[in-house]
Amino acid sequence: IIERGAAASDGLSGREIRTVLRTAFPRALVENPQEPKVLWVHLESAIADVRTANRNVGKHLCSQSIF
């Protein structure tokens, strides 16, 4: 799983990997509060979320300019 995680997170900074972990752990807890287990799907979706956020940095969310 370490090799798979390293390959999937290639190019992410340490801070972004920390964000991935901070996102994946609560997902496991929400999915199964009595017996939480972090699964690959939790890590994979968190990595995808971080990559999506990176792609959206600097994009305007509204169509009108304030200037």
PDB file of N, CA and C in Angstrom:
ATOM      1  N   ILE A   1       0.834  -1.199   0.000  1.00  0.00           N
ATOM      2  CA  ILE A   1       0.000   0.000   0.000  1.00  0.00           C
ATOM      3  C   ILE A   1       0.876   1.259   0.000  1.00  0.00           C
ATOM      4  N   ILE A   2       2.061   1.172   0.585  1.00  0.00           N
ATOM      5  CA  ILE A   2       2.960   2.328   0.602  1.00  0.00           C
ATOM      6  C   ILE A   2       3.420   2.662  -0.811  1.00  0.00           C
ATOM      7  N   GLU A   3       3.792   1.654  -1.576  1.00  0.00           N
ATOM      8  CA  GLU A   3       4.211   1.893  -2.962  1.00  0.00           C
ATOM      9  C   GLU A   3       3.057   2.442  -3.797  1.00  0.00           C
ATOM     10  N   ARG A   4       1.898   1.898  -3.607  1.00  0.00           N
ATOM     11  CA  ARG A   4       0.714   2.356  -4.343  1.00  0.00           C
ATOM     12  C   ARG A   4       0.383   3.805  -3.974  1.00  0.00           C
ATOM     13  N   GLY A   5       0.462   4.108  -2.692  1.00  0.00           N
ATOM     14  CA  GLY A   5       0.205   5.472  -2.229  1.00  0.00           C
ATOM     15  C   GLY A   5       1.250   6.450  -2.744  1.00  0.00           C
ATOM     16  N   ALA A   6       2.506   6.020  -2.752  1.00  0.00           N
ATOM     17  CA  ALA A   6       3.575   6.887  -3.268  1.00  0.00           C
ATOM     18  C   ALA A   6       3.373   7.176  -4.749  1.00  0.00           C
ATOM     19  N   ALA A   7       3.008   6.174  -5.502  1.00  0.00           N
ATOM     20  CA  ALA A   7       2.780   6.369  -6.933  1.00  0.00           C
ATOM     21  C   ALA A   7       1.566   7.276  -7.173  1.00  0.00           C
ATOM     22  N   ALA A   8       0.511   7.066  -6.419  1.00  0.00           N
ATOM     23  CA  ALA A   8      -0.721   7.840  -6.609  1.00  0.00           C
ATOM     24  C   ALA A   8      -0.547   9.295  -6.183  1.00  0.00           C
ATOM     25  N   SER A   9       0.339   9.546  -5.237  1.00  0.00           N
ATOM     26  CA  SER A   9       0.521  10.906  -4.734  1.00  0.00           C
ATOM     27  C   SER A   9       1.762  11.581  -5.323  1.00  0.00           C
ATOM     28  N   ASP A  10       2.313  11.006  -6.373  1.00  0.00           N
ATOM     29  CA  ASP A  10       3.501  11.574  -7.008  1.00  0.00           C
ATOM     30  C   ASP A  10       3.249  13.031  -7.395  1.00  0.00           C
ATOM     31  N   GLY A  11       4.154  13.891  -7.001  1.00  0.00           N
ATOM     32  CA  GLY A  11       4.032  15.301  -7.323  1.00  0.00           C
ATOM     33  C   GLY A  11       3.362  16.134  -6.245  1.00  0.00           C
ATOM     34  N   LEU A  12       2.760  15.494  -5.264  1.00  0.00           N
ATOM     35  CA  LEU A  12       2.139  16.234  -4.173  1.00  0.00           C
ATOM     36  C   LEU A  12       3.200  16.620  -3.146  1.00  0.00           C
ATOM     37  N   SER A  13       3.010  17.762  -2.534  1.00  0.00           N
ATOM     38  CA  SER A  13       3.935  18.208  -1.492  1.00  0.00           C
ATOM     39  C   SER A  13       3.630  17.479  -0.186  1.00  0.00           C
ATOM     40  N   GLY A  14       4.502  17.631   0.770  1.00  0.00           N
ATOM     41  CA  GLY A  14       4.268  17.045   2.095  1.00  0.00           C
ATOM     42  C   GLY A  14       2.998  17.580   2.725  1.00  0.00           C
ATOM     43  N   ARG A  15       2.762  18.861   2.544  1.00  0.00           N
ATOM     44  CA  ARG A  15       1.552  19.476   3.084  1.00  0.00           C
ATOM     45  C   ARG A  15       0.308  18.878   2.423  1.00  0.00           C
ATOM     46  N   GLU A  16       0.377  18.642   1.125  1.00  0.00           N
ATOM     47  CA  GLU A  16      -0.772  18.066   0.420  1.00  0.00           C
ATOM     48  C   GLU A  16      -1.012  16.619   0.849  1.00  0.00           C
ATOM     49  N   ILE A  17       0.052  15.878   1.105  1.00  0.00           N
ATOM     50  CA  ILE A  17      -0.102  14.503   1.585  1.00  0.00           C
ATOM     51  C   ILE A  17      -0.722  14.509   2.977  1.00  0.00           C
ATOM     52  N   ARG A  18      -0.322  15.470   3.797  1.00  0.00           N
ATOM     53  CA  ARG A  18      -0.940  15.604   5.120  1.00  0.00           C
ATOM     54  C   ARG A  18      -2.439  15.887   4.967  1.00  0.00           C
ATOM     55  N   THR A  19      -2.796  16.728   4.021  1.00  0.00           N
ATOM     56  CA  THR A  19      -4.208  17.020   3.761  1.00  0.00           C
ATOM     57  C   THR A  19      -4.946  15.763   3.320  1.00  0.00           C
ATOM     58  N   VAL A  20      -4.302  14.951   2.483  1.00  0.00           N
ATOM     59  CA  VAL A  20      -4.896  13.683   2.051  1.00  0.00           C
ATOM     60  C   VAL A  20      -5.218  12.819   3.268  1.00  0.00           C
ATOM     61  N   LEU A  21      -4.260  12.685   4.174  1.00  0.00           N
ATOM     62  CA  LEU A  21      -4.474  11.850   5.358  1.00  0.00           C
ATOM     63  C   LEU A  21      -5.548  12.436   6.266  1.00  0.00           C
ATOM     64  N   ARG A  22      -5.526  13.752   6.423  1.00  0.00           N
ATOM     65  CA  ARG A  22      -6.535  14.394   7.272  1.00  0.00           C
ATOM     66  C   ARG A  22      -7.931  14.305   6.673  1.00  0.00           C
ATOM     67  N   THR A  23      -8.005  14.082   5.394  1.00  0.00           N
ATOM     68  CA  THR A  23      -9.290  13.919   4.722  1.00  0.00           C
ATOM     69  C   THR A  23      -9.735  12.460   4.724  1.00  0.00           C
ATOM     70  N   ALA A  24      -8.792  11.547   4.525  1.00  0.00           N
ATOM     71  CA  ALA A  24      -9.123  10.122   4.433  1.00  0.00           C
ATOM     72  C   ALA A  24      -9.573   9.538   5.774  1.00  0.00           C
ATOM     73  N   PHE A  25      -8.919   9.932   6.866  1.00  0.00           N
ATOM     74  CA  PHE A  25      -9.253   9.350   8.164  1.00  0.00           C
ATOM     75  C   PHE A  25     -10.701   9.632   8.580  1.00  0.00           C
ATOM     76  N   PRO A  26     -11.180  10.860   8.476  1.00  0.00           N
ATOM     77  CA  PRO A  26     -12.591  11.083   8.832  1.00  0.00           C
ATOM     78  C   PRO A  26     -13.576  10.354   7.923  1.00  0.00           C
ATOM     79  N   ARG A  27     -13.208  10.164   6.666  1.00  0.00           N
ATOM     80  CA  ARG A  27     -14.094   9.417   5.760  1.00  0.00           C
ATOM     81  C   ARG A  27     -14.279   7.989   6.254  1.00  0.00           C
ATOM     82  N   ALA A  28     -13.199   7.386   6.731  1.00  0.00           N
ATOM     83  CA  ALA A  28     -13.292   6.027   7.269  1.00  0.00           C
ATOM     84  C   ALA A  28     -14.167   6.011   8.521  1.00  0.00           C
ATOM     85  N   LEU A  29     -14.045   7.040   9.334  1.00  0.00           N
ATOM     86  CA  LEU A  29     -14.830   7.120  10.564  1.00  0.00           C
ATOM     87  C   LEU A  29     -16.312   7.319  10.273  1.00  0.00           C
ATOM     88  N   VAL A  30     -16.611   8.152   9.299  1.00  0.00           N
ATOM     89  CA  VAL A  30     -18.013   8.394   8.928  1.00  0.00           C
ATOM     90  C   VAL A  30     -18.629   7.131   8.327  1.00  0.00           C
ATOM     91  N   GLU A  31     -17.845   6.427   7.528  1.00  0.00           N
ATOM     92  CA  GLU A  31     -18.349   5.224   6.859  1.00  0.00           C
ATOM     93  C   GLU A  31     -18.670   4.108   7.843  1.00  0.00           C
ATOM     94  N   ASN A  32     -17.850   3.973   8.886  1.00  0.00           N
ATOM     95  CA  ASN A  32     -18.057   2.898   9.847  1.00  0.00           C
ATOM     96  C   ASN A  32     -17.607   3.369  11.234  1.00  0.00           C
ATOM     97  N   PRO A  33     -18.460   4.116  11.941  1.00  0.00           N
ATOM     98  CA  PRO A  33     -18.071   4.698  13.227  1.00  0.00           C
ATOM     99  C   PRO A  33     -17.686   3.676  14.305  1.00  0.00           C
ATOM    100  N   GLN A  34     -18.299   2.501  14.266  1.00  0.00           N
ATOM    101  CA  GLN A  34     -18.005   1.504  15.294  1.00  0.00           C
ATOM    102  C   GLN A  34     -16.652   0.838  15.084  1.00  0.00           C
ATOM    103  N   GLU A  35     -16.252   0.690  13.850  1.00  0.00           N
ATOM    104  CA  GLU A  35     -14.996  -0.004  13.539  1.00  0.00           C
ATOM    105  C   GLU A  35     -14.334   0.645  12.307  1.00  0.00           C
ATOM    106  N   PRO A  36     -13.853   1.885  12.474  1.00  0.00           N
ATOM    107  CA  PRO A  36     -13.288   2.585  11.320  1.00  0.00           C
ATOM    108  C   PRO A  36     -11.994   1.946  10.821  1.00  0.00           C
ATOM    109  N   LYS A  37     -11.886   1.823   9.517  1.00  0.00           N
ATOM    110  CA  LYS A  37     -10.675   1.303   8.875  1.00  0.00           C
ATOM    111  C   LYS A  37     -10.431   2.144   7.633  1.00  0.00           C
ATOM    112  N   VAL A  38      -9.228   2.696   7.527  1.00  0.00           N
ATOM    113  CA  VAL A  38      -8.895   3.462   6.336  1.00  0.00           C
ATOM    114  C   VAL A  38      -8.613   2.471   5.217  1.00  0.00           C
ATOM    115  N   LEU A  39      -9.372   2.609   4.151  1.00  0.00           N
ATOM    116  CA  LEU A  39      -9.230   1.748   2.989  1.00  0.00           C
ATOM    117  C   LEU A  39      -8.598   2.535   1.847  1.00  0.00           C
ATOM    118  N   TRP A  40      -8.133   1.815   0.844  1.00  0.00           N
ATOM    119  CA  TRP A  40      -7.526   2.484  -0.299  1.00  0.00           C
ATOM    120  C   TRP A  40      -8.484   3.484  -0.929  1.00  0.00           C
ATOM    121  N   VAL A  41      -9.759   3.151  -0.991  1.00  0.00           N
ATOM    122  CA  VAL A  41     -10.743   4.034  -1.603  1.00  0.00           C
ATOM    123  C   VAL A  41     -10.788   5.392  -0.890  1.00  0.00           C
ATOM    124  N   HIS A  42     -10.590   5.420   0.425  1.00  0.00           N
ATOM    125  CA  HIS A  42     -10.569   6.679   1.168  1.00  0.00           C
ATOM    126  C   HIS A  42      -9.355   7.514   0.762  1.00  0.00           C
ATOM    127  N   LEU A  43      -8.207   6.870   0.672  1.00  0.00           N
ATOM    128  CA  LEU A  43      -6.988   7.579   0.270  1.00  0.00           C
ATOM    129  C   LEU A  43      -7.084   8.058  -1.173  1.00  0.00           C
ATOM    130  N   GLU A  44      -7.576   7.190  -2.030  1.00  0.00           N
ATOM    131  CA  GLU A  44      -7.679   7.512  -3.449  1.00  0.00           C
ATOM    132  C   GLU A  44      -8.604   8.710  -3.684  1.00  0.00           C
ATOM    133  N   SER A  45      -9.740   8.729  -3.009  1.00  0.00           N
ATOM    134  CA  SER A  45     -10.663   9.847  -3.202  1.00  0.00           C
ATOM    135  C   SER A  45     -10.101  11.135  -2.601  1.00  0.00           C
ATOM    136  N   ALA A  46      -9.369  11.029  -1.506  1.00  0.00           N
ATOM    137  CA  ALA A  46      -8.751  12.217  -0.910  1.00  0.00           C
ATOM    138  C   ALA A  46      -7.656  12.770  -1.826  1.00  0.00           C
ATOM    139  N   ILE A  47      -6.869  11.898  -2.450  1.00  0.00           N
ATOM    140  CA  ILE A  47      -5.847  12.333  -3.401  1.00  0.00           C
ATOM    141  C   ILE A  47      -6.509  13.030  -4.587  1.00  0.00           C
ATOM    142  N   ALA A  48      -7.589  12.463  -5.080  1.00  0.00           N
ATOM    143  CA  ALA A  48      -8.316  13.072  -6.195  1.00  0.00           C
ATOM    144  C   ALA A  48      -8.846  14.450  -5.807  1.00  0.00           C
ATOM    145  N   ASP A  49      -9.338  14.596  -4.594  1.00  0.00           N
ATOM    146  CA  ASP A  49      -9.838  15.893  -4.133  1.00  0.00           C
ATOM    147  C   ASP A  49      -8.725  16.937  -4.080  1.00  0.00           C
ATOM    148  N   VAL A  50      -7.549  16.544  -3.598  1.00  0.00           N
ATOM    149  CA  VAL A  50      -6.411  17.472  -3.524  1.00  0.00           C
ATOM    150  C   VAL A  50      -5.977  17.869  -4.932  1.00  0.00           C
ATOM    151  N   ARG A  51      -5.913  16.914  -5.839  1.00  0.00           N
ATOM    152  CA  ARG A  51      -5.524  17.227  -7.226  1.00  0.00           C
ATOM    153  C   ARG A  51      -6.555  18.160  -7.879  1.00  0.00           C
ATOM    154  N   THR A  52      -7.826  17.932  -7.625  1.00  0.00           N
ATOM    155  CA  THR A  52      -8.873  18.801  -8.162  1.00  0.00           C
ATOM    156  C   THR A  52      -8.732  20.207  -7.595  1.00  0.00           C
ATOM    157  N   ALA A  53      -8.486  20.311  -6.313  1.00  0.00           N
ATOM    158  CA  ALA A  53      -8.300  21.625  -5.692  1.00  0.00           C
ATOM    159  C   ALA A  53      -7.099  22.338  -6.307  1.00  0.00           C
ATOM    160  N   ASN A  54      -6.027  21.609  -6.570  1.00  0.00           N
ATOM    161  CA  ASN A  54      -4.836  22.211  -7.183  1.00  0.00           C
ATOM    162  C   ASN A  54      -5.146  22.736  -8.584  1.00  0.00           C
ATOM    163  N   ARG A  55      -5.920  21.984  -9.351  1.00  0.00           N
ATOM    164  CA  ARG A  55      -6.279  22.426 -10.698  1.00  0.00           C
ATOM    165  C   ARG A  55      -7.151  23.677 -10.673  1.00  0.00           C
ATOM    166  N   ASN A  56      -7.923  23.850  -9.611  1.00  0.00           N
ATOM    167  CA  ASN A  56      -8.852  24.965  -9.525  1.00  0.00           C
ATOM    168  C   ASN A  56      -8.264  26.222  -8.887  1.00  0.00           C
ATOM    169  N   VAL A  57      -7.033  26.139  -8.422  1.00  0.00           N
ATOM    170  CA  VAL A  57      -6.400  27.304  -7.803  1.00  0.00           C
ATOM    171  C   VAL A  57      -6.268  28.412  -8.841  1.00  0.00           C
ATOM    172  N   GLY A  58      -6.752  29.584  -8.479  1.00  0.00           N
ATOM    173  CA  GLY A  58      -6.651  30.728  -9.367  1.00  0.00           C
ATOM    174  C   GLY A  58      -7.780  30.876 -10.358  1.00  0.00           C
ATOM    175  N   LYS A  59      -8.655  29.910 -10.425  1.00  0.00           N
ATOM    176  CA  LYS A  59      -9.806  30.024 -11.326  1.00  0.00           C
ATOM    177  C   LYS A  59     -10.868  30.883 -10.658  1.00  0.00           C
ATOM    178  N   HIS A  60     -11.521  31.691 -11.452  1.00  0.00           N
ATOM    179  CA  HIS A  60     -12.578  32.546 -10.919  1.00  0.00           C
ATOM    180  C   HIS A  60     -13.847  31.722 -10.730  1.00  0.00           C
ATOM    181  N   LEU A  61     -14.467  31.920  -9.600  1.00  0.00           N
ATOM    182  CA  LEU A  61     -15.701  31.198  -9.314  1.00  0.00           C
ATOM    183  C   LEU A  61     -16.938  31.972  -9.756  1.00  0.00           C
ATOM    184  N   CYS A  62     -16.780  33.266  -9.997  1.00  0.00           N
ATOM    185  CA  CYS A  62     -17.924  34.032 -10.470  1.00  0.00           C
ATOM    186  C   CYS A  62     -17.587  34.642 -11.833  1.00  0.00           C
ATOM    187  N   SER A  63     -18.608  34.977 -12.558  1.00  0.00           N
ATOM    188  CA  SER A  63     -18.399  35.467 -13.912  1.00  0.00           C
ATOM    189  C   SER A  63     -18.161  36.956 -13.983  1.00  0.00           C
ATOM    190  N   GLN A  64     -18.416  37.696 -12.906  1.00  0.00           N
ATOM    191  CA  GLN A  64     -18.230  39.127 -12.915  1.00  0.00           C
ATOM    192  C   GLN A  64     -16.919  39.514 -12.243  1.00  0.00           C
ATOM    193  N   SER A  65     -16.262  40.470 -12.818  1.00  0.00           N
ATOM    194  CA  SER A  65     -15.034  40.991 -12.232  1.00  0.00           C
ATOM    195  C   SER A  65     -15.380  42.078 -11.233  1.00  0.00           C
ATOM    196  N   ILE A  66     -14.616  42.168 -10.174  1.00  0.00           N
ATOM    197  CA  ILE A  66     -14.871  43.197  -9.159  1.00  0.00           C
ATOM    198  C   ILE A  66     -14.124  44.486  -9.492  1.00  0.00           C
ATOM    199  N   PHE A  67     -13.377  44.486 -10.581  1.00  0.00           N
ATOM    200  CA  PHE A  67     -12.617  45.683 -10.961  1.00  0.00           C
ATOM    201  C   PHE A  67     -13.251  46.421 -12.086  1.00  0.00           C
TER     202      PHE A  67
END
